[in-house]
Protein backbone atom coordinates (compact mmCIF):
# COMPACT_ATOMS: atom_id res chain seq x y z
CA MET A 1 -7.66 -15.47 -14.11
CA THR A 2 -4.31 -16.35 -14.72
CA ARG A 3 -2.57 -19.85 -14.33
CA MET A 4 0.76 -19.63 -12.45
CA ALA A 5 3.51 -21.83 -12.05
CA HIS A 6 4.15 -24.18 -9.10
CA ALA A 7 7.19 -26.07 -10.41
CA SER A 8 10.76 -25.76 -9.44
CA ALA A 9 11.86 -26.14 -13.21
CA ASP A 10 12.78 -22.80 -14.93
CA THR A 11 10.35 -23.64 -17.70
CA HIS A 12 7.79 -25.70 -16.64
CA ILE A 13 4.19 -23.89 -16.05
CA SER A 14 1.50 -26.02 -14.71
CA THR A 15 -1.68 -25.63 -13.01
CA PRO A 16 -1.35 -25.76 -9.22
CA THR A 17 -3.17 -28.57 -7.19
CA PRO A 18 -4.15 -28.40 -3.78
CA THR A 19 -1.90 -30.39 -1.28
CA SER A 20 -1.57 -30.61 2.27
CA ARG A 21 1.31 -27.82 1.90
CA THR A 22 -1.12 -25.15 0.31
CA TRP A 23 -2.66 -23.44 3.51
CA PRO A 24 0.74 -23.17 5.19
CA VAL A 25 1.85 -21.08 1.93
CA VAL A 26 -1.08 -19.36 2.13
CA LEU A 27 -0.33 -18.64 5.78
CA ALA A 28 3.23 -17.54 5.21
CA ALA A 29 2.44 -15.48 2.31
CA CYS A 30 -0.43 -13.66 3.89
CA ALA A 31 2.12 -13.15 7.07
CA GLY A 32 4.57 -11.53 4.83
CA GLN A 33 1.97 -9.12 3.15
CA PHE A 34 0.58 -8.39 6.61
CA LEU A 35 4.37 -7.32 7.58
CA VAL A 36 4.32 -5.20 4.76
CA VAL A 37 1.31 -3.24 5.06
CA LEU A 38 1.91 -3.41 9.04
CA ASP A 39 4.68 -0.90 8.39
CA VAL A 40 2.78 1.46 6.56
CA SER A 41 0.48 2.33 9.33
CA VAL A 42 1.98 1.38 12.43
CA VAL A 43 4.33 4.38 12.82
CA ASN A 44 1.57 6.65 12.49
CA VAL A 45 0.40 6.68 16.50
CA ALA A 46 4.12 6.57 17.03
CA LEU A 47 4.83 10.11 14.76
CA PRO A 48 4.62 12.68 18.18
CA SER A 49 7.19 10.61 19.85
CA MET A 50 9.34 10.33 17.22
CA ARG A 51 9.06 14.26 16.58
CA THR A 52 10.21 15.08 20.26
CA GLY A 53 12.88 11.86 20.57
CA LEU A 54 14.50 12.64 17.48
CA GLY A 55 13.73 16.29 17.24
CA MET A 56 11.99 16.26 13.71
CA SER A 57 9.96 18.79 12.22
CA ALA A 58 6.41 18.37 10.85
CA GLY A 59 7.83 18.02 7.46
CA GLY A 60 10.28 15.38 8.28
CA LEU A 61 7.08 13.04 10.09
CA GLN A 62 5.48 13.08 7.00
CA TRP A 63 8.63 11.63 4.95
CA VAL A 64 8.57 8.77 7.96
CA VAL A 65 5.66 7.54 6.08
CA ASN A 66 6.45 8.68 2.37
CA ALA A 67 10.26 7.41 2.90
CA TYR A 68 9.00 3.58 3.32
CA ALA A 69 5.77 4.15 0.65
CA ILE A 70 8.00 5.87 -2.32
CA ALA A 71 10.80 3.28 -2.07
CA PHE A 72 7.98 0.27 -2.02
CA ALA A 73 6.06 2.11 -4.40
CA GLY A 74 9.46 3.01 -6.91
CA PHE A 75 10.91 -0.52 -6.78
CA MET A 76 7.90 -2.91 -6.37
CA LEU A 77 7.88 -3.49 -10.49
CA LEU A 78 11.56 -4.44 -10.14
CA GLY A 79 10.88 -7.05 -6.82
CA GLY A 80 7.92 -8.46 -9.22
CA ARG A 81 10.38 -9.20 -12.25
CA ALA A 82 13.14 -10.39 -9.72
CA GLY A 83 10.58 -12.68 -8.38
CA ASP A 84 9.61 -14.10 -12.19
CA LEU A 85 13.04 -14.23 -12.92
CA TYR A 86 14.97 -15.74 -9.98
CA GLY A 87 12.50 -17.13 -8.12
CA ARG A 88 9.68 -16.48 -6.01
CA LYS A 89 10.45 -18.14 -2.80
CA ARG A 90 14.03 -16.68 -3.15
CA MET A 91 13.20 -12.92 -3.45
CA PHE A 92 10.59 -13.71 -0.75
CA LEU A 93 13.50 -14.24 1.54
CA VAL A 94 15.54 -11.58 0.45
CA GLY A 95 12.80 -9.05 0.62
CA LEU A 96 11.76 -10.47 4.10
CA GLY A 97 15.68 -10.33 5.24
CA LEU A 98 16.09 -6.84 3.99
CA PHE A 99 12.80 -5.66 5.59
CA THR A 100 13.87 -7.21 8.67
CA ALA A 101 17.39 -5.54 8.89
CA ALA A 102 16.05 -2.42 8.21
CA SER A 103 13.47 -2.48 10.87
CA LEU A 104 16.33 -2.78 13.41
CA GLY A 105 18.27 -0.33 12.05
CA GLY A 106 15.24 2.34 12.21
CA GLY A 107 14.66 0.84 16.11
CA ILE A 108 18.31 2.00 17.03
CA ALA A 109 18.28 5.07 15.08
CA GLN A 110 20.05 8.17 16.97
CA GLU A 111 19.49 11.09 14.53
CA GLY A 112 16.19 11.53 12.18
CA TRP A 113 18.06 11.18 9.04
CA GLN A 114 19.30 7.34 10.12
CA LEU A 115 15.38 6.89 10.68
CA LEU A 116 14.37 8.30 7.43
CA LEU A 117 17.26 5.91 5.54
CA ALA A 118 15.94 2.83 7.64
CA ARG A 119 12.41 3.82 6.57
CA ALA A 120 13.83 3.62 3.08
CA ALA A 121 15.48 0.45 3.32
CA GLN A 122 12.61 -1.35 4.60
CA GLY A 123 10.52 0.39 1.98
CA LEU A 124 12.86 -1.49 -0.52
CA GLY A 125 12.69 -4.66 1.19
CA ALA A 126 8.79 -4.77 1.10
CA ALA A 127 9.30 -3.94 -2.47
CA VAL A 128 11.00 -7.23 -3.12
CA LEU A 129 8.54 -9.19 -0.92
CA ALA A 130 5.24 -7.84 -1.66
CA PRO A 131 4.90 -9.10 -5.17
CA ALA A 132 6.10 -12.84 -4.32
CA THR A 133 3.26 -12.61 -1.45
CA LEU A 134 0.54 -12.84 -4.25
CA THR A 135 2.14 -14.76 -6.95
CA ILE A 136 3.04 -17.45 -4.35
CA LEU A 137 -0.43 -17.75 -3.06
CA THR A 138 -2.08 -18.04 -6.70
CA ALA A 139 0.76 -20.43 -7.63
CA ALA A 140 -0.57 -22.46 -4.77
CA VAL A 141 -4.32 -22.24 -5.17
CA PRO A 142 -5.94 -23.88 -8.08
CA GLU A 143 -7.65 -21.46 -10.39
CA GLY A 144 -11.67 -21.07 -9.71
CA ALA A 145 -13.50 -20.45 -5.67
CA ALA A 146 -10.87 -21.91 -3.84
CA ARG A 147 -8.24 -18.71 -5.55
CA THR A 148 -11.22 -16.25 -4.91
CA ARG A 149 -11.13 -17.31 -1.39
CA ALA A 150 -7.55 -17.34 -1.23
CA ILE A 151 -6.95 -14.01 -2.55
CA GLY A 152 -9.58 -12.32 -0.39
CA THR A 153 -7.83 -13.77 2.47
CA TRP A 154 -4.70 -12.16 1.49
CA ALA A 155 -6.51 -8.79 0.99
CA ALA A 156 -7.86 -9.30 4.58
CA VAL A 157 -5.07 -9.73 5.91
CA GLY A 158 -3.35 -6.91 4.02
CA ALA A 159 -6.27 -4.76 5.08
CA GLY A 160 -5.92 -5.76 8.72
CA GLY A 161 -2.13 -5.17 8.75
CA GLY A 162 -2.94 -1.61 7.98
CA ALA A 163 -5.60 -1.37 10.27
CA ALA A 164 -3.99 -3.02 13.02
CA GLY A 165 -1.25 -0.85 12.70
CA GLY A 166 -2.96 1.94 14.74
CA LEU A 167 -3.51 -0.57 18.06
CA VAL A 168 0.20 -2.37 17.48
CA GLY A 169 1.76 1.44 17.53
CA GLY A 170 -0.26 2.32 20.22
CA VAL A 171 0.31 -0.43 22.73
CA LEU A 172 3.87 -0.71 21.80
CA THR A 173 4.78 3.55 22.16
CA ASP A 174 2.74 3.44 25.38
CA VAL A 175 4.12 0.45 27.12
CA LEU A 176 7.77 0.46 25.67
CA SER A 177 8.86 3.60 23.29
CA TRP A 178 7.95 4.27 19.70
CA ARG A 179 10.94 2.26 18.74
CA TRP A 180 9.66 -1.03 19.11
CA VAL A 181 6.96 -0.19 16.67
CA LEU A 182 9.99 -0.75 14.33
CA LEU A 183 11.99 -3.56 16.70
CA ILE A 184 8.59 -5.66 16.75
CA ASN A 185 9.51 -6.63 13.31
CA VAL A 186 12.57 -8.53 14.05
CA PRO A 187 11.34 -11.40 16.13
CA VAL A 188 8.36 -11.52 13.99
CA GLY A 189 10.10 -11.36 10.81
CA ALA A 190 12.74 -14.18 11.58
CA LEU A 191 9.92 -16.92 12.48
CA VAL A 192 7.91 -15.72 9.01
CA LEU A 193 11.29 -16.23 7.31
CA LEU A 194 11.86 -19.83 8.84
CA GLY A 195 8.02 -20.70 7.98
CA ALA A 196 8.76 -19.66 4.31
CA ALA A 197 11.90 -21.25 4.18
CA LEU A 198 10.33 -24.88 5.13
CA TRP A 199 6.74 -24.45 3.46
CA ILE A 200 7.14 -22.44 0.16
CA THR A 201 8.19 -24.43 -2.82
CA GLU A 202 10.77 -22.34 -5.21
CA SER A 203 8.84 -21.48 -8.87
CA ARG A 204 10.01 -18.97 -11.58
CA ALA A 205 8.74 -18.05 -15.17
CA GLY A 206 11.76 -18.36 -17.26
CA ARG A 207 15.60 -18.53 -17.91
CA HIS A 208 16.54 -14.90 -18.58
CA HIS A 209 18.23 -13.32 -16.05
CA ARG A 210 18.13 -9.65 -17.10
CA LEU A 211 16.50 -6.64 -14.78
CA ASP A 212 16.09 -3.23 -15.84
CA LEU A 213 17.62 -1.32 -13.31
CA PRO A 214 17.92 1.94 -15.03
CA GLY A 215 13.85 1.84 -15.59
CA ALA A 216 13.59 1.11 -11.59
CA VAL A 217 16.05 4.04 -10.74
CA LEU A 218 13.98 6.42 -12.86
CA VAL A 219 10.50 5.84 -11.51
CA THR A 220 11.74 5.58 -8.07
CA ALA A 221 13.70 9.06 -8.21
CA GLY A 222 10.56 10.48 -10.34
CA LEU A 223 7.97 9.81 -7.92
CA ALA A 224 10.22 11.05 -4.89
CA THR A 225 11.15 14.23 -6.24
CA LEU A 226 7.71 14.68 -7.50
CA SER A 227 6.18 14.66 -4.00
CA TYR A 228 9.31 16.52 -2.62
CA GLY A 229 8.16 19.16 -4.76
CA ILE A 230 4.31 18.47 -3.54
CA VAL A 231 5.33 19.18 0.27
CA GLN A 232 7.59 22.12 -0.73
CA THR A 233 4.28 24.02 -2.11
CA GLU A 234 3.24 24.13 1.96
CA ALA A 235 6.14 26.33 2.73
CA GLN A 236 7.68 28.07 -0.34
CA GLY A 237 3.81 28.26 -2.28
CA TRP A 238 2.95 26.75 -5.73
CA GLY A 239 5.05 29.40 -7.68
CA ALA A 240 8.34 29.34 -5.86
CA VAL A 241 11.58 27.73 -7.84
CA ALA A 242 11.89 25.66 -4.71
CA THR A 243 8.78 23.85 -5.73
CA LEU A 244 8.77 24.15 -9.40
CA VAL A 245 12.39 22.87 -10.09
CA PRO A 246 11.58 19.33 -7.96
CA LEU A 247 7.68 19.17 -9.73
CA VAL A 248 9.03 19.47 -13.44
CA GLY A 249 12.17 17.37 -12.38
CA GLY A 250 10.01 14.60 -11.10
CA VAL A 251 7.24 14.66 -14.00
CA VAL A 252 10.58 14.57 -16.58
CA LEU A 253 12.26 11.72 -14.69
CA LEU A 254 8.61 9.90 -15.05
CA LEU A 255 8.74 10.73 -18.43
CA ALA A 256 12.21 9.37 -19.13
CA PHE A 257 10.77 6.31 -17.64
CA LEU A 258 8.07 5.54 -20.07
CA VAL A 259 10.53 5.94 -22.72
CA VAL A 260 13.18 3.68 -21.40
CA GLU A 261 10.32 1.03 -21.24
CA ALA A 262 9.00 1.75 -24.22
CA ARG A 263 12.60 0.96 -25.65
CA THR A 264 14.47 -1.51 -23.83
CA ALA A 265 14.41 -4.90 -24.50
CA VAL A 266 13.09 -6.65 -21.44
CA PRO A 267 11.46 -3.49 -19.62
CA LEU A 268 10.52 -3.22 -15.85
CA MET A 269 6.96 -2.31 -17.02
CA PRO A 270 6.07 -3.50 -20.19
CA LEU A 271 3.60 -0.90 -21.55
CA ARG A 272 1.89 -3.60 -23.72
CA LEU A 273 0.55 -5.07 -20.68
CA PHE A 274 -1.68 -1.85 -20.72
CA ARG A 275 -3.63 -2.79 -23.59
CA LEU A 276 -5.35 -5.44 -21.59
CA ARG A 277 -8.38 -3.55 -20.56
CA ALA A 278 -8.72 -5.16 -17.24
CA VAL A 279 -5.09 -4.64 -16.11
CA SER A 280 -4.93 -1.01 -17.16
CA ALA A 281 -8.11 -0.13 -15.58
CA ALA A 282 -7.91 -1.82 -12.53
CA ASN A 283 -4.67 -0.30 -11.88
CA ALA A 284 -5.67 3.12 -12.80
CA VAL A 285 -8.73 3.06 -10.22
CA MET A 286 -6.24 1.36 -7.43
CA PHE A 287 -4.36 4.29 -8.26
CA VAL A 288 -7.03 7.17 -7.68
CA CYS A 289 -8.59 5.35 -4.75
CA GLY A 290 -5.12 4.89 -2.93
CA SER A 291 -4.65 8.34 -2.96
CA ALA A 292 -7.33 9.03 -0.88
CA MET A 293 -7.65 5.54 0.87
CA PHE A 294 -3.93 5.61 2.35
CA CYS A 295 -4.23 9.07 4.24
CA THR A 296 -6.86 7.82 6.11
CA TRP A 297 -4.95 6.41 8.86
CA PHE A 298 -2.59 9.30 8.86
CA PHE A 299 -5.18 12.11 9.59
CA MET A 300 -7.26 10.44 11.89
CA THR A 301 -4.83 9.21 14.31
CA LEU A 302 -2.83 13.00 14.17
CA TYR A 303 -6.71 13.90 14.69
CA ALA A 304 -7.23 11.63 17.78
CA GLN A 305 -4.05 12.77 19.61
CA ASN A 306 -3.31 16.37 18.52
CA VAL A 307 -7.02 17.39 18.90
CA LEU A 308 -8.86 14.66 20.68
CA GLY A 309 -5.90 14.69 23.51
CA TYR A 310 -5.72 10.77 23.03
CA THR A 311 -2.21 9.18 24.02
CA PRO A 312 -1.00 6.89 21.58
CA LEU A 313 -2.76 3.37 23.33
CA GLY A 314 -5.91 5.40 23.22
CA ALA A 315 -5.65 6.42 19.63
CA GLY A 316 -5.05 2.47 18.59
CA LEU A 317 -7.91 1.66 21.05
CA ALA A 318 -10.31 3.82 19.26
CA LEU A 319 -9.22 2.52 15.74
CA ILE A 320 -10.50 -1.10 16.43
CA PRO A 321 -13.86 -0.97 15.14
CA SER A 322 -11.96 0.79 12.01
CA SER A 323 -9.80 -2.25 11.78
CA LEU A 324 -12.51 -5.01 12.12
CA SER A 325 -14.43 -3.46 9.22
CA VAL A 326 -11.90 -3.26 6.84
CA VAL A 327 -11.39 -7.31 7.33
CA LEU A 328 -14.97 -8.03 7.79
CA GLY A 329 -15.09 -5.79 4.05
CA SER A 330 -12.55 -7.69 2.48
CA LYS A 331 -13.96 -11.39 3.80
CA LEU A 332 -17.27 -10.33 2.66
CA ALA A 333 -16.08 -9.68 -1.01
CA PRO A 334 -15.20 -12.99 -2.33
CA ARG A 335 -18.78 -14.21 -1.25
CA ILE A 336 -20.69 -10.83 -2.81
CA MET A 337 -18.26 -10.62 -5.87
CA PRO A 338 -20.18 -13.87 -7.95
CA ARG A 339 -23.49 -12.20 -7.50
CA THR A 340 -22.61 -8.57 -7.73
CA GLY A 341 -19.66 -8.95 -10.68
CA ALA A 342 -16.04 -7.15 -10.01
CA ARG A 343 -16.99 -3.78 -11.41
CA ASN A 344 -20.32 -3.41 -9.62
CA LEU A 345 -18.65 -4.61 -6.04
CA THR A 346 -15.90 -2.44 -6.61
CA VAL A 347 -17.79 0.85 -7.28
CA LEU A 348 -20.04 -0.21 -4.27
CA GLY A 349 -17.02 -0.13 -1.94
CA VAL A 350 -15.77 3.04 -3.11
CA LEU A 351 -19.31 4.75 -2.63
CA VAL A 352 -19.21 3.41 0.72
CA THR A 353 -15.99 4.71 1.70
CA ALA A 354 -16.67 8.10 -0.08
CA ALA A 355 -19.87 8.42 2.40
CA GLY A 356 -17.12 8.18 5.26
CA PHE A 357 -15.09 10.74 3.96
CA GLY A 358 -18.18 13.03 3.49
CA TRP A 359 -18.99 12.49 7.26
CA GLN A 360 -15.52 12.91 8.33
CA SER A 361 -14.92 15.98 6.50
CA MET A 362 -17.58 17.75 8.61
CA MET A 363 -15.49 16.89 12.13
CA ARG A 364 -14.99 19.42 14.86
CA ALA A 365 -12.76 19.65 17.35
CA ASP A 366 -15.40 19.12 20.35
CA ASP A 367 -17.19 16.11 18.72
CA PRO A 368 -17.64 13.23 20.45
CA TYR A 369 -16.06 9.59 19.65
CA TRP A 370 -18.83 8.25 17.89
CA MET A 371 -19.37 10.82 15.45
CA SER A 372 -15.92 11.81 14.87
CA ILE A 373 -14.24 8.56 14.78
CA LEU A 374 -16.33 5.36 14.87
CA VAL A 375 -18.76 5.77 12.52
CA PRO A 376 -16.76 7.19 9.90
CA GLY A 377 -14.13 5.03 10.38
CA VAL A 378 -16.12 2.08 9.65
CA LEU A 379 -17.66 3.42 6.66
CA MET A 380 -14.32 4.10 5.09
CA MET A 381 -12.95 0.84 5.94
CA THR A 382 -15.33 -1.15 5.22
CA GLY A 383 -15.62 0.27 1.79
CA ALA A 384 -12.16 -0.16 1.56
CA GLY A 385 -11.94 -3.95 2.25
CA LEU A 386 -14.77 -4.56 -0.35
CA ALA A 387 -13.06 -2.99 -3.32
CA THR A 388 -9.48 -4.25 -2.75
CA THR A 389 -10.40 -7.80 -3.70
CA PRO A 390 -12.18 -7.37 -6.78
CA LEU A 391 -9.80 -4.57 -8.18
CA ALA A 392 -6.93 -7.55 -7.42
CA ALA A 393 -8.67 -9.88 -9.30
CA LEU A 394 -9.00 -7.71 -12.44
CA ALA A 395 -5.53 -6.52 -12.49
CA THR A 396 -4.22 -9.97 -12.58
CA SER A 397 -6.73 -11.29 -14.98
CA GLY A 398 -5.24 -11.63 -18.71
CA ALA A 399 -1.71 -11.66 -17.94
CA GLU A 400 0.85 -14.56 -19.12
CA PRO A 401 1.89 -16.69 -16.40
CA GLY A 402 5.77 -15.38 -16.89
CA GLU A 403 4.42 -11.86 -16.11
CA ALA A 404 2.63 -12.95 -12.82
CA GLY A 405 5.31 -11.30 -10.25
CA LEU A 406 4.75 -7.97 -12.72
CA VAL A 407 1.37 -7.93 -12.64
CA SER A 408 0.89 -8.52 -8.91
CA GLY A 409 3.80 -6.20 -8.10
CA LEU A 410 1.94 -3.84 -10.70
CA ILE A 411 -1.43 -3.47 -8.46
CA ASN A 412 0.38 -2.78 -5.57
CA THR A 413 3.15 -0.12 -6.93
CA SER A 414 -0.35 1.48 -8.09
CA ARG A 415 -1.87 1.46 -4.79
CA THR A 416 1.15 2.59 -2.90
CA MET A 417 2.37 5.27 -5.44
CA GLY A 418 -0.89 6.72 -5.47
CA GLY A 419 -0.89 6.75 -1.30
CA ALA A 420 2.53 8.38 -1.45
CA LEU A 421 1.59 11.21 -4.01
CA GLY A 422 -1.93 11.64 -2.62
CA LEU A 423 -0.57 11.67 1.47
CA ALA A 424 1.98 14.48 -0.26
CA VAL A 425 -0.79 16.41 -2.01
CA LEU A 426 -3.32 16.39 1.11
CA SER A 427 -0.53 16.95 4.00
CA THR A 428 -0.24 19.79 1.71
CA VAL A 429 -4.10 21.05 1.52
CA ALA A 430 -4.74 20.08 5.63
CA ALA A 431 -1.68 22.41 6.27
CA SER A 432 -2.59 25.38 4.06
CA ARG A 433 -5.66 25.72 6.14
CA THR A 434 -4.45 24.87 9.55
CA GLY A 435 -1.79 27.91 8.84
CA LEU A 436 0.71 28.94 11.66
CA VAL A 437 -1.36 28.73 14.68
CA GLN A 438 -1.47 25.28 14.93
CA SER A 439 -4.96 25.08 17.43
CA PRO A 440 -7.17 22.05 18.20
CA GLU A 441 -9.92 24.25 16.05
CA SER A 442 -7.61 25.13 13.35
CA LEU A 443 -5.67 21.90 13.00
CA THR A 444 -9.35 20.33 12.88
CA ALA A 445 -10.16 22.28 9.72
CA GLY A 446 -6.87 21.44 7.93
CA TYR A 447 -7.68 17.68 8.49
CA ALA A 448 -11.61 17.82 7.80
CA LEU A 449 -10.69 19.52 4.20
CA ALA A 450 -8.06 17.07 3.49
CA PHE A 451 -11.07 14.41 3.55
CA ARG A 452 -13.25 16.78 2.14
CA VAL A 453 -10.72 16.56 -1.24
CA GLY A 454 -10.27 13.10 -0.70
CA GLY A 455 -14.06 12.68 -0.85
CA PHE A 456 -13.97 13.98 -3.83
CA VAL A 457 -11.46 12.18 -5.61
CA LEU A 458 -12.93 9.10 -4.56
CA LEU A 459 -15.99 10.52 -6.62
CA GLY A 460 -13.92 10.45 -9.14
CA SER A 461 -12.64 7.09 -9.40
CA VAL A 462 -16.09 5.99 -9.53
CA VAL A 463 -16.73 7.35 -12.37
CA LEU A 464 -13.51 6.06 -13.49
CA ALA A 465 -14.70 2.76 -12.93
CA LEU A 466 -18.04 2.62 -14.01
CA VAL A 467 -16.60 3.98 -17.71
CA TRP A 468 -13.44 1.61 -17.77
CA LEU A 469 -13.68 -1.24 -15.53
CA PRO A 470 -14.76 -4.40 -17.59
CA ARG A 471 -18.05 -6.04 -15.91
CA ALA A 472 -16.12 -9.59 -14.67
CA ALA A 473 -12.54 -10.95 -14.83
CA GLY A 474 -11.11 -12.84 -17.16
CA PRO A 475 -8.38 -13.74 -19.35
CA GLY A 476 -7.36 -11.05 -22.18
CA ARG A 477 -10.50 -8.70 -21.60
CA ARG A 478 -9.81 -5.95 -23.92
């Protein structure tokens, strides 16, 4: 696996050695990752309350999730490169500061557009923060078993953040109001900022101070435009001008991004990285898996509240076993991976998740809790936890130390980018089956179809993993 820098000098790169500060640094990095992932899912159980409080449409609710996800995915490569050039600690603090301030703005929003703007700003802050968390962690822990355990902890905390979002959001929405699912980030963010300022040592990769802003703008605009076009299919159909224009426009913008990256001297995403088999294959599998896995909490919380009649708190409590399962899977992965290999563990994890999707796709409006949420949720989340660590290990192997932040940002981008587009597609799939009359039965049919389609997507990612992923992580694997 890549050796990371742990030095304050611009050009000096050394192998990290354990110190008394190592695990406080890991704690700060994991806390930052927890906040970033938490805010992907914490709003889900609050969506019905947000719709009532701000008078938002059903499509607007989807953009409460996607405004964050698209800004997060679109600017994460820029955030990773900024950490390499300007300092990982500095970018960690900048990203967390912006994330915390945007959380305050969202919590006091009085109109729907204000909430969406705040969520996009949160996503931008998270895009700067998230790559720094993994790079800081790998810079603090020596390569080998200790680093694998640290990455497993990072993956578990991130997975736990996504899983805990339902419970945290439910408690805050029921006890206080939906606003507190955002406002809670303010005191927590301030504490993490203080700990990071005290514990983390600055490191960077080089003296070059140039960022590919055109590339960042193109990839973000392309993703947002493409997602908007997919959402339009729900109301306009696939052949309507209002649908085709943003779909074509999004594809053109993304192609322009690739052209810019091929020609610029300091690209945001050097295309040569994809010549490394481990990097390209792991990111491709993460993208496809993320397009299905990202949607799990969105549909399960809507099903619990809109069909089964749970309160926000009840929905959060119902998802506790799933929350524990994803943490368990993430913590088991580093122990299993030396025996199975990264590729085999990835395949096993995705297959377990696909089994959960298949079970969930048979849901009915009158199913008991154990059948409709408990068992399929545990399967889906255990599998997701098992698959995350080996994919992260493969994706970060073989890159140069000066590109550590970039590669860390790339794997997070692949997961979130896939999730944003997957949510847009599967929400449209669900709405097409539900129709205009939103009865419990029709809503259930829509959610079930979304899980069925997501299950087939996961099976496709299994084939991709078997064909493309190398058997183990290692420098320069092609």
